[in-house]
Amino acid sequence: MRYAQGCGLTDAKRAAGERIRLEAVGRFESGAKNREFAAALRLSERSVERWRRQWRERGEAGVRPKGPPGRPRLSAPQIDKLEGELERGLVARGWAGQRWTLARVKTLIGRLIHVGYTVEGTWRLLKRHDWSWRQSARRAIERDDGAVELWKKEVWPQVRARRRPAGPGSSVTTRPASR
C-alpha cells in the first residue's frame, strides 16, 4: 500500500526515526558492531548494515531520510514549458481531437521533459498548478433538446436492462430438456 507524504508516519515518529539514524552515525564513529547496535535498538541488522554503507559513502547526509519516494517534481521553467505546449493545443503536437486527456498530458511530459509520470500523478500535477479540464461551450447544431428529453423519458426506461428475479441457479451449462 502506498501512503501519502511521509509514508504514513506522524511527525513525531518521523523525528524519532531520524534521531535513531543520527544515533547510528555516532555509534558508527565509535566503532560499534552492527549486531550489538541492532539488538540495542531492536532494529534489523540489515538496516544497520545499509545505514553503515550509506554513512561510509556519503557521510551523515547518506543516513538522513530522503523523504517520500517517487514524486518527480517539475521545476518552474519545466512547468512554463509544459503550459506553453498545452496552450499550443493538440494539433500542434500531432494529435487529432479537441481535448487533452490525462494520458496525452502524461505522454507530452514524457516526450517534452523526459520525466515519467503516472496518469494519477499527472492529475495531481495539473491540480497542484490549478489547471482544470475544460469542456467546449458549443453544442452540435443538429442537437434537438426536446428529442433528447423525450428519449430519456420514453425510450431509455424500455432499453435499460431489468434485474433478473432472484432464484435458484444452475451450474449445468445446458438445460436438461435440450439433451
N, C-alpha and C. Protein backbone atom coordinates (compact mmCIF):
# COMPACT_ATOMS: atom_id res chain seq x y z
N MET A 1 0.84 -1.17 0.00
CA MET A 1 0.00 0.00 0.00
C MET A 1 0.89 1.24 0.00
N ARG A 2 0.52 2.19 -0.82
CA ARG A 2 1.29 3.42 -0.88
C ARG A 2 0.61 4.46 -0.02
N TYR A 3 1.41 5.19 0.72
CA TYR A 3 0.88 6.21 1.59
C TYR A 3 1.13 7.58 0.98
N ALA A 4 0.43 8.54 1.49
CA ALA A 4 0.68 9.92 1.10
C ALA A 4 2.02 10.33 1.68
N GLN A 5 2.33 11.58 1.62
CA GLN A 5 3.64 12.06 2.07
C GLN A 5 3.97 11.55 3.46
N GLY A 6 5.22 11.16 3.63
CA GLY A 6 5.68 10.73 4.93
C GLY A 6 5.51 9.25 5.20
N CYS A 7 5.07 8.49 4.19
CA CYS A 7 4.97 7.04 4.31
C CYS A 7 4.05 6.63 5.45
N GLY A 8 3.05 7.40 5.77
CA GLY A 8 2.08 7.02 6.79
C GLY A 8 2.52 7.27 8.21
N LEU A 9 3.64 7.93 8.42
CA LEU A 9 4.14 8.19 9.77
C LEU A 9 3.73 9.58 10.23
N THR A 10 3.54 9.70 11.53
CA THR A 10 3.28 11.02 12.10
C THR A 10 4.60 11.79 12.17
N ASP A 11 4.51 13.09 12.41
CA ASP A 11 5.72 13.90 12.53
C ASP A 11 6.61 13.41 13.67
N ALA A 12 6.00 13.00 14.79
CA ALA A 12 6.77 12.52 15.94
C ALA A 12 7.53 11.24 15.60
N LYS A 13 6.88 10.33 14.89
CA LYS A 13 7.54 9.07 14.53
C LYS A 13 8.65 9.31 13.50
N ARG A 14 8.41 10.23 12.57
CA ARG A 14 9.47 10.56 11.60
C ARG A 14 10.68 11.15 12.33
N ALA A 15 10.42 12.04 13.29
CA ALA A 15 11.52 12.66 14.05
C ALA A 15 12.26 11.60 14.87
N ALA A 16 11.53 10.64 15.45
CA ALA A 16 12.17 9.57 16.22
C ALA A 16 13.05 8.72 15.32
N GLY A 17 12.57 8.42 14.13
CA GLY A 17 13.37 7.65 13.17
C GLY A 17 14.64 8.38 12.79
N GLU A 18 14.54 9.69 12.61
CA GLU A 18 15.73 10.47 12.27
C GLU A 18 16.71 10.50 13.44
N ARG A 19 16.20 10.60 14.69
CA ARG A 19 17.09 10.56 15.86
C ARG A 19 17.85 9.23 15.92
N ILE A 20 17.16 8.14 15.63
CA ILE A 20 17.82 6.82 15.65
C ILE A 20 18.91 6.76 14.59
N ARG A 21 18.63 7.29 13.42
CA ARG A 21 19.64 7.29 12.36
C ARG A 21 20.86 8.13 12.74
N LEU A 22 20.61 9.27 13.37
CA LEU A 22 21.74 10.11 13.80
C LEU A 22 22.50 9.45 14.94
N GLU A 23 21.80 8.73 15.80
CA GLU A 23 22.49 7.96 16.85
C GLU A 23 23.35 6.88 16.20
N ALA A 24 22.86 6.32 15.11
CA ALA A 24 23.63 5.30 14.39
C ALA A 24 24.96 5.88 13.92
N VAL A 25 24.94 7.12 13.44
CA VAL A 25 26.18 7.76 12.98
C VAL A 25 27.18 7.83 14.12
N GLY A 26 26.73 8.22 15.30
CA GLY A 26 27.61 8.30 16.47
C GLY A 26 28.20 6.93 16.82
N ARG A 27 27.37 5.90 16.73
CA ARG A 27 27.85 4.56 17.05
C ARG A 27 28.81 4.05 15.97
N PHE A 28 28.56 4.43 14.71
CA PHE A 28 29.48 4.02 13.64
C PHE A 28 30.86 4.64 13.88
N GLU A 29 30.85 5.92 14.27
CA GLU A 29 32.12 6.62 14.50
C GLU A 29 32.87 6.03 15.69
N SER A 30 32.12 5.53 16.68
CA SER A 30 32.78 4.94 17.85
C SER A 30 33.20 3.49 17.61
N GLY A 31 32.82 2.92 16.48
CA GLY A 31 33.24 1.57 16.13
C GLY A 31 32.34 0.47 16.65
N ALA A 32 31.10 0.76 16.98
CA ALA A 32 30.18 -0.27 17.47
C ALA A 32 29.88 -1.28 16.38
N LYS A 33 29.64 -2.51 16.77
CA LYS A 33 29.31 -3.58 15.83
C LYS A 33 27.84 -3.48 15.43
N ASN A 34 27.55 -3.88 14.20
CA ASN A 34 26.18 -3.81 13.69
C ASN A 34 25.22 -4.64 14.54
N ARG A 35 25.64 -5.85 14.92
CA ARG A 35 24.76 -6.75 15.66
C ARG A 35 24.39 -6.16 17.02
N GLU A 36 25.36 -5.60 17.72
CA GLU A 36 25.11 -5.01 19.04
C GLU A 36 24.18 -3.81 18.93
N PHE A 37 24.46 -2.98 17.94
CA PHE A 37 23.65 -1.78 17.75
C PHE A 37 22.21 -2.14 17.38
N ALA A 38 22.05 -3.12 16.48
CA ALA A 38 20.72 -3.55 16.05
C ALA A 38 19.95 -4.14 17.23
N ALA A 39 20.62 -4.95 18.05
CA ALA A 39 19.95 -5.56 19.20
C ALA A 39 19.57 -4.51 20.24
N ALA A 40 20.42 -3.52 20.46
CA ALA A 40 20.14 -2.49 21.46
C ALA A 40 18.92 -1.66 21.09
N LEU A 41 18.75 -1.37 19.82
CA LEU A 41 17.62 -0.53 19.41
C LEU A 41 16.49 -1.31 18.74
N ARG A 42 16.58 -2.64 18.79
CA ARG A 42 15.57 -3.51 18.19
C ARG A 42 15.34 -3.19 16.72
N LEU A 43 16.44 -3.15 15.98
CA LEU A 43 16.41 -2.92 14.54
C LEU A 43 16.90 -4.18 13.84
N SER A 44 16.66 -4.27 12.56
CA SER A 44 17.21 -5.39 11.82
C SER A 44 18.68 -5.10 11.51
N GLU A 45 19.47 -6.15 11.50
CA GLU A 45 20.89 -5.97 11.18
C GLU A 45 21.05 -5.44 9.76
N ARG A 46 20.17 -5.86 8.91
CA ARG A 46 20.23 -5.44 7.51
C ARG A 46 20.10 -3.92 7.38
N SER A 47 19.17 -3.33 8.13
CA SER A 47 19.02 -1.88 8.10
C SER A 47 20.28 -1.19 8.60
N VAL A 48 20.83 -1.71 9.69
CA VAL A 48 22.05 -1.11 10.24
C VAL A 48 23.20 -1.23 9.24
N GLU A 49 23.30 -2.38 8.56
CA GLU A 49 24.35 -2.55 7.54
C GLU A 49 24.17 -1.55 6.41
N ARG A 50 22.91 -1.38 5.99
CA ARG A 50 22.63 -0.43 4.91
C ARG A 50 22.98 0.99 5.33
N TRP A 51 22.62 1.38 6.56
CA TRP A 51 22.95 2.72 7.06
C TRP A 51 24.45 2.92 7.14
N ARG A 52 25.18 1.87 7.60
CA ARG A 52 26.63 1.99 7.72
C ARG A 52 27.26 2.20 6.34
N ARG A 53 26.78 1.43 5.36
CA ARG A 53 27.30 1.58 3.99
C ARG A 53 27.01 2.99 3.46
N GLN A 54 25.79 3.49 3.67
CA GLN A 54 25.45 4.85 3.21
C GLN A 54 26.28 5.89 3.95
N TRP A 55 26.55 5.66 5.22
CA TRP A 55 27.36 6.60 6.01
C TRP A 55 28.79 6.63 5.47
N ARG A 56 29.35 5.44 5.15
CA ARG A 56 30.72 5.39 4.60
C ARG A 56 30.80 6.12 3.26
N GLU A 57 29.76 5.97 2.42
CA GLU A 57 29.78 6.55 1.08
C GLU A 57 29.51 8.05 1.07
N ARG A 58 28.55 8.50 1.89
CA ARG A 58 28.12 9.91 1.79
C ARG A 58 28.14 10.66 3.12
N GLY A 59 28.60 10.03 4.16
CA GLY A 59 28.64 10.71 5.44
C GLY A 59 27.27 10.77 6.09
N GLU A 60 27.10 11.75 6.98
CA GLU A 60 25.85 11.87 7.72
C GLU A 60 24.65 12.10 6.80
N ALA A 61 24.86 12.80 5.69
CA ALA A 61 23.77 13.06 4.74
C ALA A 61 23.24 11.76 4.13
N GLY A 62 24.09 10.75 4.01
CA GLY A 62 23.65 9.48 3.45
C GLY A 62 22.71 8.71 4.35
N VAL A 63 22.75 9.00 5.64
CA VAL A 63 21.91 8.28 6.60
C VAL A 63 20.58 8.98 6.80
N ARG A 64 20.52 10.26 6.52
CA ARG A 64 19.27 11.02 6.72
C ARG A 64 18.19 10.50 5.76
N PRO A 65 16.93 10.51 6.19
CA PRO A 65 15.84 10.07 5.32
C PRO A 65 15.71 11.00 4.11
N LYS A 66 15.32 10.43 3.00
CA LYS A 66 15.24 11.19 1.76
C LYS A 66 13.84 11.71 1.45
N GLY A 67 12.86 11.38 2.27
CA GLY A 67 11.50 11.83 2.02
C GLY A 67 10.72 10.78 1.26
N PRO A 68 9.50 11.09 0.90
CA PRO A 68 8.66 10.11 0.22
C PRO A 68 9.25 9.76 -1.15
N PRO A 69 9.18 8.50 -1.54
CA PRO A 69 9.79 8.09 -2.79
C PRO A 69 8.91 8.40 -4.00
N GLY A 70 9.55 8.55 -5.13
CA GLY A 70 8.86 8.54 -6.41
C GLY A 70 7.95 9.70 -6.74
N ARG A 71 8.22 10.88 -6.26
CA ARG A 71 7.38 12.00 -6.66
C ARG A 71 8.21 12.98 -7.47
N PRO A 72 8.31 12.75 -8.77
CA PRO A 72 9.11 13.69 -9.56
C PRO A 72 8.42 15.05 -9.61
N ARG A 73 9.16 16.05 -9.32
CA ARG A 73 8.63 17.41 -9.36
C ARG A 73 9.24 18.11 -10.56
N LEU A 74 8.45 18.91 -11.19
CA LEU A 74 8.95 19.70 -12.30
C LEU A 74 9.37 21.07 -11.78
N SER A 75 10.45 21.59 -12.34
CA SER A 75 10.91 22.91 -11.94
C SER A 75 10.01 23.97 -12.59
N ALA A 76 10.16 25.21 -12.15
CA ALA A 76 9.34 26.30 -12.69
C ALA A 76 9.53 26.46 -14.21
N PRO A 77 10.78 26.42 -14.74
CA PRO A 77 10.91 26.51 -16.20
C PRO A 77 10.26 25.34 -16.93
N GLN A 78 10.31 24.14 -16.33
CA GLN A 78 9.66 23.00 -16.96
C GLN A 78 8.14 23.15 -16.96
N ILE A 79 7.60 23.69 -15.86
CA ILE A 79 6.15 23.94 -15.79
C ILE A 79 5.75 24.96 -16.85
N ASP A 80 6.55 26.02 -17.00
CA ASP A 80 6.25 27.04 -18.02
C ASP A 80 6.28 26.44 -19.41
N LYS A 81 7.27 25.59 -19.66
CA LYS A 81 7.39 24.93 -20.96
C LYS A 81 6.18 24.04 -21.23
N LEU A 82 5.76 23.28 -20.21
CA LEU A 82 4.60 22.41 -20.34
C LEU A 82 3.33 23.23 -20.59
N GLU A 83 3.18 24.31 -19.84
CA GLU A 83 1.99 25.16 -20.01
C GLU A 83 1.93 25.74 -21.42
N GLY A 84 3.09 26.18 -21.93
CA GLY A 84 3.13 26.70 -23.30
C GLY A 84 2.70 25.66 -24.32
N GLU A 85 3.16 24.43 -24.14
CA GLU A 85 2.79 23.37 -25.07
C GLU A 85 1.31 23.01 -24.96
N LEU A 86 0.78 23.03 -23.74
CA LEU A 86 -0.65 22.74 -23.57
C LEU A 86 -1.49 23.83 -24.23
N GLU A 87 -1.04 25.07 -24.14
CA GLU A 87 -1.79 26.18 -24.75
C GLU A 87 -1.70 26.13 -26.27
N ARG A 88 -0.61 25.59 -26.81
CA ARG A 88 -0.50 25.47 -28.27
C ARG A 88 -1.56 24.56 -28.84
N GLY A 89 -1.95 23.56 -28.06
CA GLY A 89 -3.05 22.71 -28.48
C GLY A 89 -2.61 21.35 -28.97
N LEU A 90 -3.60 20.52 -29.20
CA LEU A 90 -3.35 19.14 -29.62
C LEU A 90 -2.82 19.03 -31.04
N VAL A 91 -3.38 19.83 -31.92
CA VAL A 91 -2.99 19.74 -33.33
C VAL A 91 -1.52 20.09 -33.50
N ALA A 92 -1.03 21.07 -32.76
CA ALA A 92 0.38 21.44 -32.84
C ALA A 92 1.28 20.30 -32.39
N ARG A 93 0.77 19.43 -31.51
CA ARG A 93 1.55 18.29 -31.03
C ARG A 93 1.31 17.04 -31.88
N GLY A 94 0.43 17.12 -32.88
CA GLY A 94 0.21 16.00 -33.78
C GLY A 94 -0.91 15.05 -33.38
N TRP A 95 -1.77 15.47 -32.46
CA TRP A 95 -2.90 14.64 -32.07
C TRP A 95 -4.17 15.18 -32.67
N ALA A 96 -5.07 14.29 -33.04
CA ALA A 96 -6.38 14.69 -33.53
C ALA A 96 -7.30 14.86 -32.33
N GLY A 97 -8.33 15.63 -32.50
CA GLY A 97 -9.28 15.82 -31.41
C GLY A 97 -9.17 17.20 -30.81
N GLN A 98 -10.03 17.44 -29.83
CA GLN A 98 -10.08 18.76 -29.23
C GLN A 98 -9.81 18.74 -27.73
N ARG A 99 -9.54 17.59 -27.14
CA ARG A 99 -9.39 17.51 -25.70
C ARG A 99 -8.06 16.91 -25.30
N TRP A 100 -7.48 17.53 -24.29
CA TRP A 100 -6.31 16.94 -23.65
C TRP A 100 -6.82 15.91 -22.66
N THR A 101 -6.36 14.69 -22.77
CA THR A 101 -6.68 13.68 -21.77
C THR A 101 -5.47 13.56 -20.84
N LEU A 102 -5.67 12.95 -19.69
CA LEU A 102 -4.56 12.76 -18.77
C LEU A 102 -3.45 11.92 -19.41
N ALA A 103 -3.87 10.92 -20.20
CA ALA A 103 -2.88 10.07 -20.87
C ALA A 103 -2.06 10.89 -21.87
N ARG A 104 -2.71 11.81 -22.57
CA ARG A 104 -1.99 12.65 -23.53
C ARG A 104 -1.04 13.61 -22.83
N VAL A 105 -1.49 14.19 -21.71
CA VAL A 105 -0.62 15.11 -20.97
C VAL A 105 0.56 14.34 -20.40
N LYS A 106 0.32 13.12 -19.91
CA LYS A 106 1.40 12.26 -19.40
C LYS A 106 2.41 11.99 -20.51
N THR A 107 1.94 11.66 -21.69
CA THR A 107 2.83 11.40 -22.82
C THR A 107 3.59 12.65 -23.20
N LEU A 108 2.92 13.80 -23.18
CA LEU A 108 3.58 15.06 -23.50
C LEU A 108 4.71 15.36 -22.51
N ILE A 109 4.46 15.14 -21.23
CA ILE A 109 5.50 15.38 -20.22
C ILE A 109 6.69 14.47 -20.49
N GLY A 110 6.41 13.21 -20.81
CA GLY A 110 7.49 12.27 -21.08
C GLY A 110 8.31 12.67 -22.30
N ARG A 111 7.64 13.09 -23.37
CA ARG A 111 8.34 13.46 -24.61
C ARG A 111 9.06 14.80 -24.49
N LEU A 112 8.43 15.74 -23.81
CA LEU A 112 8.95 17.10 -23.76
C LEU A 112 10.02 17.27 -22.69
N ILE A 113 9.77 16.72 -21.50
CA ILE A 113 10.64 16.99 -20.35
C ILE A 113 11.43 15.76 -19.93
N HIS A 114 11.06 14.59 -20.46
CA HIS A 114 11.73 13.33 -20.15
C HIS A 114 11.64 12.97 -18.67
N VAL A 115 10.43 13.16 -18.13
CA VAL A 115 10.14 12.78 -16.75
C VAL A 115 8.92 11.88 -16.79
N GLY A 116 9.01 10.74 -16.12
CA GLY A 116 7.90 9.79 -16.13
C GLY A 116 6.89 10.09 -15.05
N TYR A 117 5.64 10.22 -15.44
CA TYR A 117 4.53 10.40 -14.50
C TYR A 117 3.52 9.31 -14.75
N THR A 118 2.76 8.95 -13.74
CA THR A 118 1.61 8.07 -13.92
C THR A 118 0.43 8.96 -14.28
N VAL A 119 -0.67 8.34 -14.69
CA VAL A 119 -1.87 9.12 -15.01
C VAL A 119 -2.36 9.83 -13.75
N GLU A 120 -2.32 9.12 -12.62
CA GLU A 120 -2.74 9.74 -11.35
C GLU A 120 -1.80 10.88 -10.97
N GLY A 121 -0.51 10.67 -11.17
CA GLY A 121 0.46 11.72 -10.88
C GLY A 121 0.27 12.93 -11.77
N THR A 122 -0.11 12.67 -13.02
CA THR A 122 -0.39 13.77 -13.95
C THR A 122 -1.58 14.58 -13.46
N TRP A 123 -2.62 13.87 -13.00
CA TRP A 123 -3.81 14.56 -12.47
C TRP A 123 -3.43 15.43 -11.27
N ARG A 124 -2.60 14.89 -10.39
CA ARG A 124 -2.19 15.66 -9.21
C ARG A 124 -1.34 16.86 -9.60
N LEU A 125 -0.48 16.69 -10.59
CA LEU A 125 0.34 17.80 -11.07
C LEU A 125 -0.55 18.92 -11.61
N LEU A 126 -1.52 18.55 -12.44
CA LEU A 126 -2.42 19.55 -13.01
C LEU A 126 -3.22 20.24 -11.91
N LYS A 127 -3.69 19.46 -10.96
CA LYS A 127 -4.48 20.02 -9.86
C LYS A 127 -3.63 20.94 -9.00
N ARG A 128 -2.37 20.53 -8.75
CA ARG A 128 -1.47 21.32 -7.91
C ARG A 128 -1.19 22.69 -8.52
N HIS A 129 -1.24 22.78 -9.84
CA HIS A 129 -0.97 24.05 -10.52
C HIS A 129 -2.25 24.73 -10.99
N ASP A 130 -3.36 24.33 -10.39
CA ASP A 130 -4.67 24.94 -10.66
C ASP A 130 -5.07 24.89 -12.13
N TRP A 131 -4.66 23.84 -12.82
CA TRP A 131 -5.14 23.64 -14.18
C TRP A 131 -6.36 22.74 -14.08
N SER A 132 -7.34 23.01 -14.91
CA SER A 132 -8.55 22.21 -14.86
C SER A 132 -8.93 21.79 -16.27
N TRP A 133 -9.80 20.80 -16.34
CA TRP A 133 -10.26 20.37 -17.65
C TRP A 133 -11.29 21.38 -18.14
N ARG A 134 -11.34 21.51 -19.41
CA ARG A 134 -12.31 22.44 -20.00
C ARG A 134 -13.17 21.69 -21.00
N GLN A 135 -14.43 22.02 -21.02
CA GLN A 135 -15.34 21.39 -21.96
C GLN A 135 -15.86 22.47 -22.90
N SER A 136 -16.00 22.08 -24.12
CA SER A 136 -16.45 23.03 -25.13
C SER A 136 -17.82 23.59 -24.76
N ALA A 137 -17.98 24.90 -24.89
CA ALA A 137 -19.26 25.54 -24.58
C ALA A 137 -20.25 25.39 -25.72
N ARG A 138 -19.74 25.09 -26.91
CA ARG A 138 -20.63 24.95 -28.07
C ARG A 138 -21.28 23.59 -28.10
N ARG A 139 -22.49 23.54 -28.63
CA ARG A 139 -23.19 22.28 -28.82
C ARG A 139 -23.37 22.06 -30.31
N ALA A 140 -23.62 20.83 -30.65
CA ALA A 140 -23.83 20.50 -32.06
C ALA A 140 -25.06 21.24 -32.58
N ILE A 141 -24.98 21.72 -33.79
CA ILE A 141 -26.09 22.44 -34.40
C ILE A 141 -27.30 21.53 -34.56
N GLU A 142 -27.03 20.26 -34.83
CA GLU A 142 -28.10 19.29 -35.08
C GLU A 142 -28.83 18.87 -33.80
N ARG A 143 -28.34 19.24 -32.65
CA ARG A 143 -28.90 18.77 -31.40
C ARG A 143 -30.32 19.30 -31.21
N ASP A 144 -31.20 18.38 -30.82
CA ASP A 144 -32.59 18.73 -30.55
C ASP A 144 -32.87 18.36 -29.10
N ASP A 145 -32.88 19.36 -28.21
CA ASP A 145 -33.04 19.11 -26.78
C ASP A 145 -34.37 18.44 -26.47
N GLY A 146 -35.40 18.78 -27.19
CA GLY A 146 -36.71 18.16 -26.98
C GLY A 146 -36.67 16.68 -27.28
N ALA A 147 -36.01 16.30 -28.35
CA ALA A 147 -35.90 14.88 -28.72
C ALA A 147 -35.05 14.12 -27.68
N VAL A 148 -34.04 14.79 -27.17
CA VAL A 148 -33.19 14.14 -26.15
C VAL A 148 -34.01 13.85 -24.89
N GLU A 149 -34.77 14.83 -24.43
CA GLU A 149 -35.61 14.65 -23.24
C GLU A 149 -36.66 13.57 -23.46
N LEU A 150 -37.28 13.55 -24.64
CA LEU A 150 -38.28 12.54 -24.97
C LEU A 150 -37.65 11.14 -24.92
N TRP A 151 -36.45 11.02 -25.49
CA TRP A 151 -35.76 9.72 -25.49
C TRP A 151 -35.46 9.27 -24.06
N LYS A 152 -35.01 10.22 -23.23
CA LYS A 152 -34.70 9.87 -21.84
C LYS A 152 -35.94 9.37 -21.09
N LYS A 153 -37.10 9.99 -21.34
CA LYS A 153 -38.30 9.64 -20.60
C LYS A 153 -38.99 8.39 -21.13
N GLU A 154 -39.01 8.19 -22.46
CA GLU A 154 -39.80 7.11 -23.02
C GLU A 154 -38.98 5.91 -23.47
N VAL A 155 -37.87 6.15 -24.14
CA VAL A 155 -37.10 5.04 -24.72
C VAL A 155 -36.15 4.42 -23.70
N TRP A 156 -35.44 5.24 -22.96
CA TRP A 156 -34.43 4.71 -22.05
C TRP A 156 -34.99 3.73 -21.02
N PRO A 157 -36.15 4.00 -20.39
CA PRO A 157 -36.66 3.03 -19.43
C PRO A 157 -36.94 1.66 -20.06
N GLN A 158 -37.28 1.63 -21.34
CA GLN A 158 -37.54 0.36 -22.01
C GLN A 158 -36.23 -0.36 -22.38
N VAL A 159 -35.21 0.42 -22.71
CA VAL A 159 -33.94 -0.16 -23.14
C VAL A 159 -33.14 -0.66 -21.94
N ARG A 160 -33.22 0.06 -20.86
CA ARG A 160 -32.44 -0.28 -19.67
C ARG A 160 -32.76 -1.71 -19.24
N ALA A 161 -31.71 -2.47 -18.96
CA ALA A 161 -31.88 -3.88 -18.57
C ALA A 161 -32.55 -3.96 -17.21
N ARG A 162 -33.57 -4.81 -17.14
CA ARG A 162 -34.24 -5.02 -15.86
C ARG A 162 -33.48 -6.09 -15.10
N ARG A 163 -33.57 -6.03 -13.78
CA ARG A 163 -32.89 -7.02 -12.95
C ARG A 163 -33.61 -8.35 -13.05
N ARG A 164 -32.83 -9.41 -13.09
CA ARG A 164 -33.42 -10.75 -13.08
C ARG A 164 -33.98 -11.03 -11.70
N PRO A 165 -35.10 -11.71 -11.65
CA PRO A 165 -35.62 -12.05 -10.32
C PRO A 165 -34.68 -13.04 -9.65
N ALA A 166 -34.56 -12.91 -8.35
CA ALA A 166 -33.68 -13.80 -7.60
C ALA A 166 -34.30 -15.19 -7.58
N GLY A 167 -33.49 -16.19 -7.82
CA GLY A 167 -33.98 -17.56 -7.82
C GLY A 167 -32.81 -18.52 -7.83
N PRO A 168 -33.10 -19.77 -7.69
CA PRO A 168 -32.01 -20.74 -7.69
C PRO A 168 -31.35 -20.80 -9.06
N GLY A 169 -30.06 -20.91 -9.06
CA GLY A 169 -29.32 -21.00 -10.30
C GLY A 169 -28.95 -22.43 -10.59
N SER A 170 -28.31 -22.62 -11.72
CA SER A 170 -27.90 -23.96 -12.11
C SER A 170 -26.45 -23.91 -12.55
N SER A 171 -25.69 -24.91 -12.16
CA SER A 171 -24.29 -24.95 -12.59
C SER A 171 -24.15 -25.75 -13.89
N VAL A 172 -25.23 -26.34 -14.37
CA VAL A 172 -25.20 -27.09 -15.62
C VAL A 172 -25.27 -26.09 -16.77
N THR A 173 -24.42 -26.28 -17.79
CA THR A 173 -24.35 -25.31 -18.87
C THR A 173 -25.49 -25.47 -19.87
N THR A 174 -26.13 -26.63 -19.92
CA THR A 174 -27.26 -26.82 -20.85
C THR A 174 -28.49 -27.22 -20.05
N ARG A 175 -29.64 -26.95 -20.63
CA ARG A 175 -30.87 -27.30 -19.97
C ARG A 175 -31.13 -28.80 -20.14
N PRO A 176 -31.74 -29.43 -19.14
CA PRO A 176 -32.00 -30.88 -19.24
C PRO A 176 -32.87 -31.23 -20.44
N ALA A 177 -33.81 -30.38 -20.81
CA ALA A 177 -34.72 -30.69 -21.90
C ALA A 177 -34.00 -30.65 -23.26
N SER A 178 -32.86 -30.00 -23.35
CA SER A 178 -32.17 -29.90 -24.63
C SER A 178 -31.21 -31.03 -24.89
N ARG A 179 -31.09 -31.98 -23.95
CA ARG A 179 -30.15 -33.10 -24.13
C ARG A 179 -30.69 -34.14 -25.01
